[in-house]
N, C-alpha and C. Protein backbone atom coordinates (compact mmCIF):
# COMPACT_ATOMS: atom_id res chain seq x y z
N MET A 1 141.49 107.31 89.78
CA MET A 1 140.30 106.84 90.45
C MET A 1 139.43 108.04 90.82
N ALA A 2 138.14 107.86 90.74
CA ALA A 2 137.17 108.88 91.15
C ALA A 2 136.14 108.21 92.04
N SER A 3 135.69 108.92 93.04
CA SER A 3 134.68 108.39 93.94
C SER A 3 133.69 109.50 94.25
N PHE A 4 132.42 109.17 94.29
CA PHE A 4 131.40 110.18 94.60
C PHE A 4 130.24 109.51 95.31
N PRO A 5 129.50 110.28 96.13
CA PRO A 5 128.34 109.70 96.82
C PRO A 5 127.14 109.60 95.89
N GLU A 6 126.44 108.49 95.97
CA GLU A 6 125.22 108.27 95.19
C GLU A 6 124.05 108.20 96.16
N ASN A 7 123.15 109.18 96.10
CA ASN A 7 121.98 109.17 96.96
C ASN A 7 120.97 108.14 96.47
N THR A 8 120.54 107.29 97.38
CA THR A 8 119.59 106.24 97.03
C THR A 8 118.40 106.26 97.99
N ALA A 9 117.34 105.61 97.56
CA ALA A 9 116.15 105.47 98.40
C ALA A 9 115.40 104.23 97.95
N TRP A 10 114.43 103.84 98.77
CA TRP A 10 113.54 102.73 98.43
C TRP A 10 112.36 103.29 97.66
N PHE A 11 111.97 102.60 96.59
CA PHE A 11 110.88 103.08 95.75
C PHE A 11 109.84 102.00 95.52
N GLU A 12 108.61 102.47 95.30
CA GLU A 12 107.50 101.61 94.91
C GLU A 12 106.76 102.30 93.77
N SER A 13 105.92 101.55 93.10
CA SER A 13 105.15 102.09 91.99
C SER A 13 104.24 103.21 92.48
N GLU A 14 104.16 104.25 91.69
CA GLU A 14 103.25 105.36 91.98
C GLU A 14 101.80 104.96 91.72
N ASP A 15 101.59 103.90 90.98
CA ASP A 15 100.25 103.52 90.53
C ASP A 15 99.46 102.68 91.52
N GLY A 16 100.08 102.23 92.57
CA GLY A 16 99.32 101.39 93.49
C GLY A 16 99.75 101.57 94.92
N ALA A 17 98.79 101.70 95.79
CA ALA A 17 99.08 101.74 97.23
C ALA A 17 98.98 100.31 97.73
N GLN A 18 100.11 99.68 97.84
CA GLN A 18 100.14 98.27 98.20
C GLN A 18 100.69 98.11 99.60
N GLU A 19 100.12 97.21 100.35
CA GLU A 19 100.64 96.85 101.65
C GLU A 19 101.67 95.75 101.42
N TRP A 20 102.91 96.00 101.76
CA TRP A 20 103.98 95.03 101.50
C TRP A 20 104.12 94.09 102.68
N CYS A 21 103.48 92.94 102.56
CA CYS A 21 103.50 91.92 103.61
C CYS A 21 104.68 90.99 103.41
N ASP A 22 104.90 90.14 104.40
CA ASP A 22 105.96 89.12 104.28
C ASP A 22 105.51 88.02 103.36
N PRO A 23 106.35 87.56 102.47
CA PRO A 23 107.65 88.15 102.16
C PRO A 23 107.48 89.40 101.30
N ILE A 24 108.38 90.36 101.50
CA ILE A 24 108.37 91.58 100.69
C ILE A 24 108.91 91.24 99.31
N LEU A 25 108.16 91.62 98.29
CA LEU A 25 108.59 91.38 96.92
C LEU A 25 109.62 92.45 96.52
N LEU A 26 110.70 92.01 95.89
CA LEU A 26 111.77 92.92 95.50
C LEU A 26 112.02 92.88 94.00
N VAL A 27 112.41 94.03 93.49
CA VAL A 27 112.92 94.16 92.13
C VAL A 27 114.38 94.54 92.30
N ALA A 28 115.28 93.70 91.79
CA ALA A 28 116.71 93.88 92.08
C ALA A 28 117.57 93.58 90.86
N PHE A 29 118.81 93.98 90.97
CA PHE A 29 119.79 93.57 89.99
C PHE A 29 120.17 92.12 90.27
N LEU A 30 120.77 91.47 89.29
CA LEU A 30 121.22 90.09 89.45
C LEU A 30 122.31 90.00 90.52
N PRO A 31 122.63 88.80 91.02
CA PRO A 31 123.68 88.66 92.04
C PRO A 31 124.96 89.42 91.65
N GLY A 32 125.49 90.14 92.62
CA GLY A 32 126.66 90.97 92.39
C GLY A 32 126.32 92.37 91.92
N GLY A 33 125.04 92.62 91.65
CA GLY A 33 124.61 93.91 91.13
C GLY A 33 124.48 94.97 92.21
N LEU A 34 124.39 96.20 91.76
CA LEU A 34 124.28 97.35 92.65
C LEU A 34 123.10 97.24 93.61
N TYR A 35 123.32 97.64 94.83
CA TYR A 35 122.29 97.80 95.86
C TYR A 35 121.67 96.50 96.36
N ARG A 36 121.92 95.40 95.70
CA ARG A 36 121.26 94.14 96.01
C ARG A 36 121.48 93.71 97.47
N GLU A 37 122.72 93.61 97.88
CA GLU A 37 123.02 93.16 99.25
C GLU A 37 122.52 94.18 100.28
N ALA A 38 122.60 95.46 99.97
CA ALA A 38 122.11 96.49 100.88
C ALA A 38 120.60 96.35 101.08
N MET A 39 119.89 95.97 100.02
CA MET A 39 118.44 95.75 100.13
C MET A 39 118.15 94.60 101.10
N PHE A 40 118.85 93.49 100.91
CA PHE A 40 118.63 92.33 101.77
C PHE A 40 118.94 92.67 103.23
N ASP A 41 120.05 93.35 103.44
CA ASP A 41 120.45 93.71 104.81
C ASP A 41 119.39 94.57 105.48
N ARG A 42 118.87 95.55 104.77
CA ARG A 42 117.87 96.46 105.35
C ARG A 42 116.60 95.71 105.74
N ILE A 43 116.13 94.85 104.87
CA ILE A 43 114.90 94.11 105.16
C ILE A 43 115.12 93.14 106.32
N GLU A 44 116.27 92.51 106.35
CA GLU A 44 116.56 91.58 107.44
C GLU A 44 116.72 92.30 108.77
N GLN A 45 117.19 93.55 108.76
CA GLN A 45 117.24 94.36 109.98
C GLN A 45 115.84 94.56 110.55
N GLU A 46 114.87 94.64 109.67
CA GLU A 46 113.47 94.81 110.07
C GLU A 46 112.84 93.49 110.50
N ARG A 47 113.63 92.41 110.40
CA ARG A 47 113.15 91.05 110.71
C ARG A 47 111.98 90.66 109.82
N ARG A 48 112.12 91.05 108.55
CA ARG A 48 111.13 90.71 107.54
C ARG A 48 111.74 89.73 106.56
N ARG A 49 110.91 89.02 105.88
CA ARG A 49 111.36 88.10 104.84
C ARG A 49 111.22 88.79 103.49
N TRP A 50 111.97 88.32 102.51
CA TRP A 50 111.93 88.92 101.18
C TRP A 50 111.94 87.83 100.12
N TYR A 51 111.53 88.24 98.92
CA TYR A 51 111.47 87.35 97.78
C TYR A 51 111.77 88.18 96.54
N ILE A 52 112.66 87.72 95.69
CA ILE A 52 112.96 88.45 94.46
C ILE A 52 111.90 88.13 93.42
N ALA A 53 111.08 89.11 93.12
CA ALA A 53 110.00 88.94 92.14
C ALA A 53 110.52 89.14 90.73
N PHE A 54 111.56 89.99 90.58
CA PHE A 54 112.12 90.27 89.26
C PHE A 54 113.55 90.73 89.43
N SER A 55 114.43 90.26 88.54
CA SER A 55 115.81 90.75 88.55
C SER A 55 116.35 90.81 87.13
N ASP A 56 117.32 91.70 86.93
CA ASP A 56 117.91 91.88 85.62
C ASP A 56 119.23 92.61 85.79
N THR A 57 120.03 92.69 84.74
CA THR A 57 121.29 93.43 84.79
C THR A 57 121.12 94.89 84.41
N SER A 58 120.01 95.23 83.80
CA SER A 58 119.79 96.55 83.24
C SER A 58 119.04 97.47 84.21
N LEU A 59 119.57 98.67 84.40
CA LEU A 59 118.88 99.66 85.24
C LEU A 59 117.50 99.95 84.67
N GLN A 60 117.40 100.06 83.37
CA GLN A 60 116.11 100.33 82.72
C GLN A 60 115.09 99.25 83.08
N SER A 61 115.49 97.99 83.03
CA SER A 61 114.58 96.89 83.34
C SER A 61 114.15 96.91 84.81
N VAL A 62 115.10 97.21 85.70
CA VAL A 62 114.77 97.28 87.12
C VAL A 62 113.80 98.43 87.37
N LEU A 63 114.01 99.57 86.73
CA LEU A 63 113.09 100.70 86.86
C LEU A 63 111.68 100.32 86.39
N VAL A 64 111.58 99.68 85.25
CA VAL A 64 110.28 99.29 84.71
C VAL A 64 109.61 98.26 85.62
N GLY A 65 110.39 97.32 86.15
CA GLY A 65 109.83 96.33 87.07
C GLY A 65 109.23 96.99 88.31
N ALA A 66 109.94 97.96 88.88
CA ALA A 66 109.43 98.67 90.05
C ALA A 66 108.22 99.52 89.68
N GLU A 67 108.28 100.21 88.54
CA GLU A 67 107.14 101.02 88.08
C GLU A 67 105.90 100.17 87.87
N SER A 68 106.09 98.95 87.42
CA SER A 68 104.97 98.05 87.14
C SER A 68 104.34 97.47 88.39
N GLY A 69 104.96 97.72 89.54
CA GLY A 69 104.40 97.23 90.79
C GLY A 69 104.82 95.81 91.14
N LEU A 70 105.89 95.32 90.50
CA LEU A 70 106.34 93.97 90.80
C LEU A 70 106.96 93.85 92.18
N GLY A 71 107.42 94.96 92.74
CA GLY A 71 108.02 94.93 94.07
C GLY A 71 108.71 96.24 94.39
N LEU A 72 109.31 96.27 95.56
CA LEU A 72 110.09 97.41 96.01
C LEU A 72 111.49 97.32 95.44
N SER A 73 112.16 98.46 95.32
CA SER A 73 113.54 98.46 94.86
C SER A 73 114.29 99.63 95.47
N MET A 74 115.58 99.41 95.70
CA MET A 74 116.46 100.49 96.12
C MET A 74 117.14 101.00 94.85
N LEU A 75 117.02 102.31 94.62
CA LEU A 75 117.50 102.89 93.37
C LEU A 75 118.16 104.24 93.62
N PRO A 76 119.05 104.66 92.70
CA PRO A 76 119.62 106.00 92.81
C PRO A 76 118.56 107.06 92.57
N MET A 77 118.60 108.10 93.35
CA MET A 77 117.62 109.18 93.23
C MET A 77 117.59 109.77 91.82
N ARG A 78 118.75 109.94 91.21
CA ARG A 78 118.81 110.53 89.87
C ARG A 78 118.12 109.67 88.82
N ALA A 79 118.11 108.37 89.03
CA ALA A 79 117.57 107.46 88.02
C ALA A 79 116.05 107.48 87.95
N VAL A 80 115.38 107.94 89.00
CA VAL A 80 113.92 107.86 89.02
C VAL A 80 113.22 109.12 88.53
N THR A 81 113.97 110.13 88.19
CA THR A 81 113.37 111.37 87.69
C THR A 81 112.52 111.07 86.46
N GLY A 82 111.26 111.51 86.52
CA GLY A 82 110.34 111.31 85.42
C GLY A 82 109.71 109.92 85.38
N ARG A 83 110.01 109.09 86.35
CA ARG A 83 109.45 107.73 86.39
C ARG A 83 108.22 107.72 87.28
N ARG A 84 107.36 106.73 87.12
CA ARG A 84 106.15 106.59 87.92
C ARG A 84 106.48 105.81 89.20
N LEU A 85 107.38 106.40 89.98
CA LEU A 85 107.83 105.81 91.24
C LEU A 85 107.74 106.84 92.34
N ARG A 86 107.51 106.36 93.56
CA ARG A 86 107.54 107.25 94.73
C ARG A 86 108.36 106.56 95.82
N ILE A 87 108.88 107.37 96.71
CA ILE A 87 109.66 106.83 97.82
C ILE A 87 108.75 106.00 98.71
N PHE A 88 109.20 104.81 99.04
CA PHE A 88 108.48 103.94 99.96
C PHE A 88 108.81 104.43 101.36
N ARG A 89 107.84 105.08 101.99
CA ARG A 89 108.07 105.80 103.24
C ARG A 89 108.59 104.93 104.39
N HIS A 90 108.19 103.68 104.44
CA HIS A 90 108.62 102.85 105.57
C HIS A 90 110.14 102.68 105.60
N PHE A 91 110.77 102.52 104.43
CA PHE A 91 112.22 102.38 104.38
C PHE A 91 112.89 103.69 103.99
N GLY A 92 112.24 104.48 103.14
CA GLY A 92 112.68 105.83 102.79
C GLY A 92 114.07 105.94 102.19
N MET A 93 114.74 107.03 102.56
CA MET A 93 116.08 107.33 102.06
C MET A 93 117.09 106.39 102.72
N THR A 94 118.19 106.19 102.04
CA THR A 94 119.27 105.39 102.58
C THR A 94 120.50 106.26 102.71
N CYS A 95 121.51 105.77 103.39
CA CYS A 95 122.78 106.50 103.44
C CYS A 95 123.38 106.49 102.05
N PRO A 96 123.98 107.60 101.63
CA PRO A 96 124.61 107.61 100.31
C PRO A 96 125.65 106.50 100.20
N MET A 97 125.73 105.91 99.03
CA MET A 97 126.72 104.88 98.77
C MET A 97 127.85 105.49 97.95
N ALA A 98 129.06 105.06 98.23
CA ALA A 98 130.21 105.54 97.46
C ALA A 98 130.29 104.75 96.16
N VAL A 99 130.32 105.47 95.07
CA VAL A 99 130.50 104.87 93.76
C VAL A 99 131.90 105.26 93.30
N SER A 100 132.68 104.28 92.89
CA SER A 100 134.06 104.54 92.49
C SER A 100 134.32 104.04 91.08
N ILE A 101 135.15 104.77 90.40
CA ILE A 101 135.59 104.39 89.06
C ILE A 101 137.11 104.31 89.12
N TYR A 102 137.65 103.17 88.71
CA TYR A 102 139.10 103.03 88.71
C TYR A 102 139.53 102.05 87.63
N THR A 103 140.79 102.11 87.33
CA THR A 103 141.37 101.18 86.36
C THR A 103 142.76 100.80 86.83
N TRP A 104 143.14 99.56 86.61
CA TRP A 104 144.48 99.09 86.98
C TRP A 104 145.49 99.51 85.92
N ASP A 105 145.03 99.61 84.71
CA ASP A 105 145.89 99.94 83.59
C ASP A 105 146.20 101.43 83.61
N LYS A 106 147.45 101.80 83.44
CA LYS A 106 147.84 103.21 83.45
C LYS A 106 148.01 103.77 82.04
N GLY A 107 147.44 103.10 81.08
CA GLY A 107 147.49 103.57 79.70
C GLY A 107 146.36 102.93 78.92
N GLY A 108 146.13 103.39 77.77
CA GLY A 108 145.11 102.79 76.94
C GLY A 108 143.76 103.46 77.07
N LEU A 109 142.81 102.91 76.35
CA LEU A 109 141.47 103.49 76.26
C LEU A 109 140.71 103.47 77.58
N ALA A 110 140.79 102.35 78.33
CA ALA A 110 140.08 102.27 79.62
C ALA A 110 140.58 103.32 80.59
N TYR A 111 141.90 103.51 80.64
CA TYR A 111 142.48 104.51 81.53
C TYR A 111 142.03 105.91 81.13
N GLU A 112 142.07 106.18 79.84
CA GLU A 112 141.66 107.49 79.33
C GLU A 112 140.20 107.78 79.67
N LEU A 113 139.34 106.80 79.48
CA LEU A 113 137.92 106.96 79.81
C LEU A 113 137.72 107.19 81.30
N ALA A 114 138.40 106.42 82.15
CA ALA A 114 138.30 106.59 83.60
C ALA A 114 138.77 107.98 84.01
N GLU A 115 139.83 108.47 83.42
CA GLU A 115 140.32 109.81 83.73
C GLU A 115 139.31 110.89 83.34
N GLN A 116 138.70 110.75 82.18
CA GLN A 116 137.69 111.71 81.73
C GLN A 116 136.48 111.69 82.66
N MET A 117 136.07 110.49 83.06
CA MET A 117 134.92 110.39 83.97
C MET A 117 135.27 110.99 85.33
N ALA A 118 136.47 110.73 85.83
CA ALA A 118 136.89 111.29 87.11
C ALA A 118 136.88 112.81 87.06
N THR A 119 137.38 113.38 85.98
CA THR A 119 137.39 114.83 85.82
C THR A 119 135.96 115.39 85.79
N ALA A 120 135.09 114.73 85.04
CA ALA A 120 133.69 115.19 84.97
C ALA A 120 133.01 115.12 86.33
N LEU A 121 133.28 114.07 87.09
CA LEU A 121 132.66 113.93 88.41
C LEU A 121 133.18 114.97 89.39
N LYS A 122 134.45 115.27 89.33
CA LYS A 122 135.03 116.26 90.23
C LYS A 122 134.46 117.66 89.95
N ASN A 123 134.11 117.90 88.69
CA ASN A 123 133.62 119.22 88.29
C ASN A 123 132.12 119.40 88.40
N ARG A 124 131.42 118.40 88.85
CA ARG A 124 129.95 118.52 88.91
C ARG A 124 129.50 119.24 90.13
């Protein structure tokens, strides 16, 4: 098993200065996807309402949705490099999330891949 912190933040399109009124439009992964529940929790802490304007399973699609101005999104800092996104100052940075890689199987291709990824993460 390998675990590492993933720095995340809230992002909006660089192309438009939009006032995000209630409900706040969100670009998110599908149910069960990364960052989704953390996004809802943060907005509800602010006592704001939200609406999913776009969702998908693909990080690329979520990035494009946010870049296009469809809504706000919580994303890993590394994923937005070179994208037309900026940190949404009102929500800003978030606490790093732990990302873990593990396998139940102690042999085979999945185990070998998990071990290689764990080694690469430890050495970064």
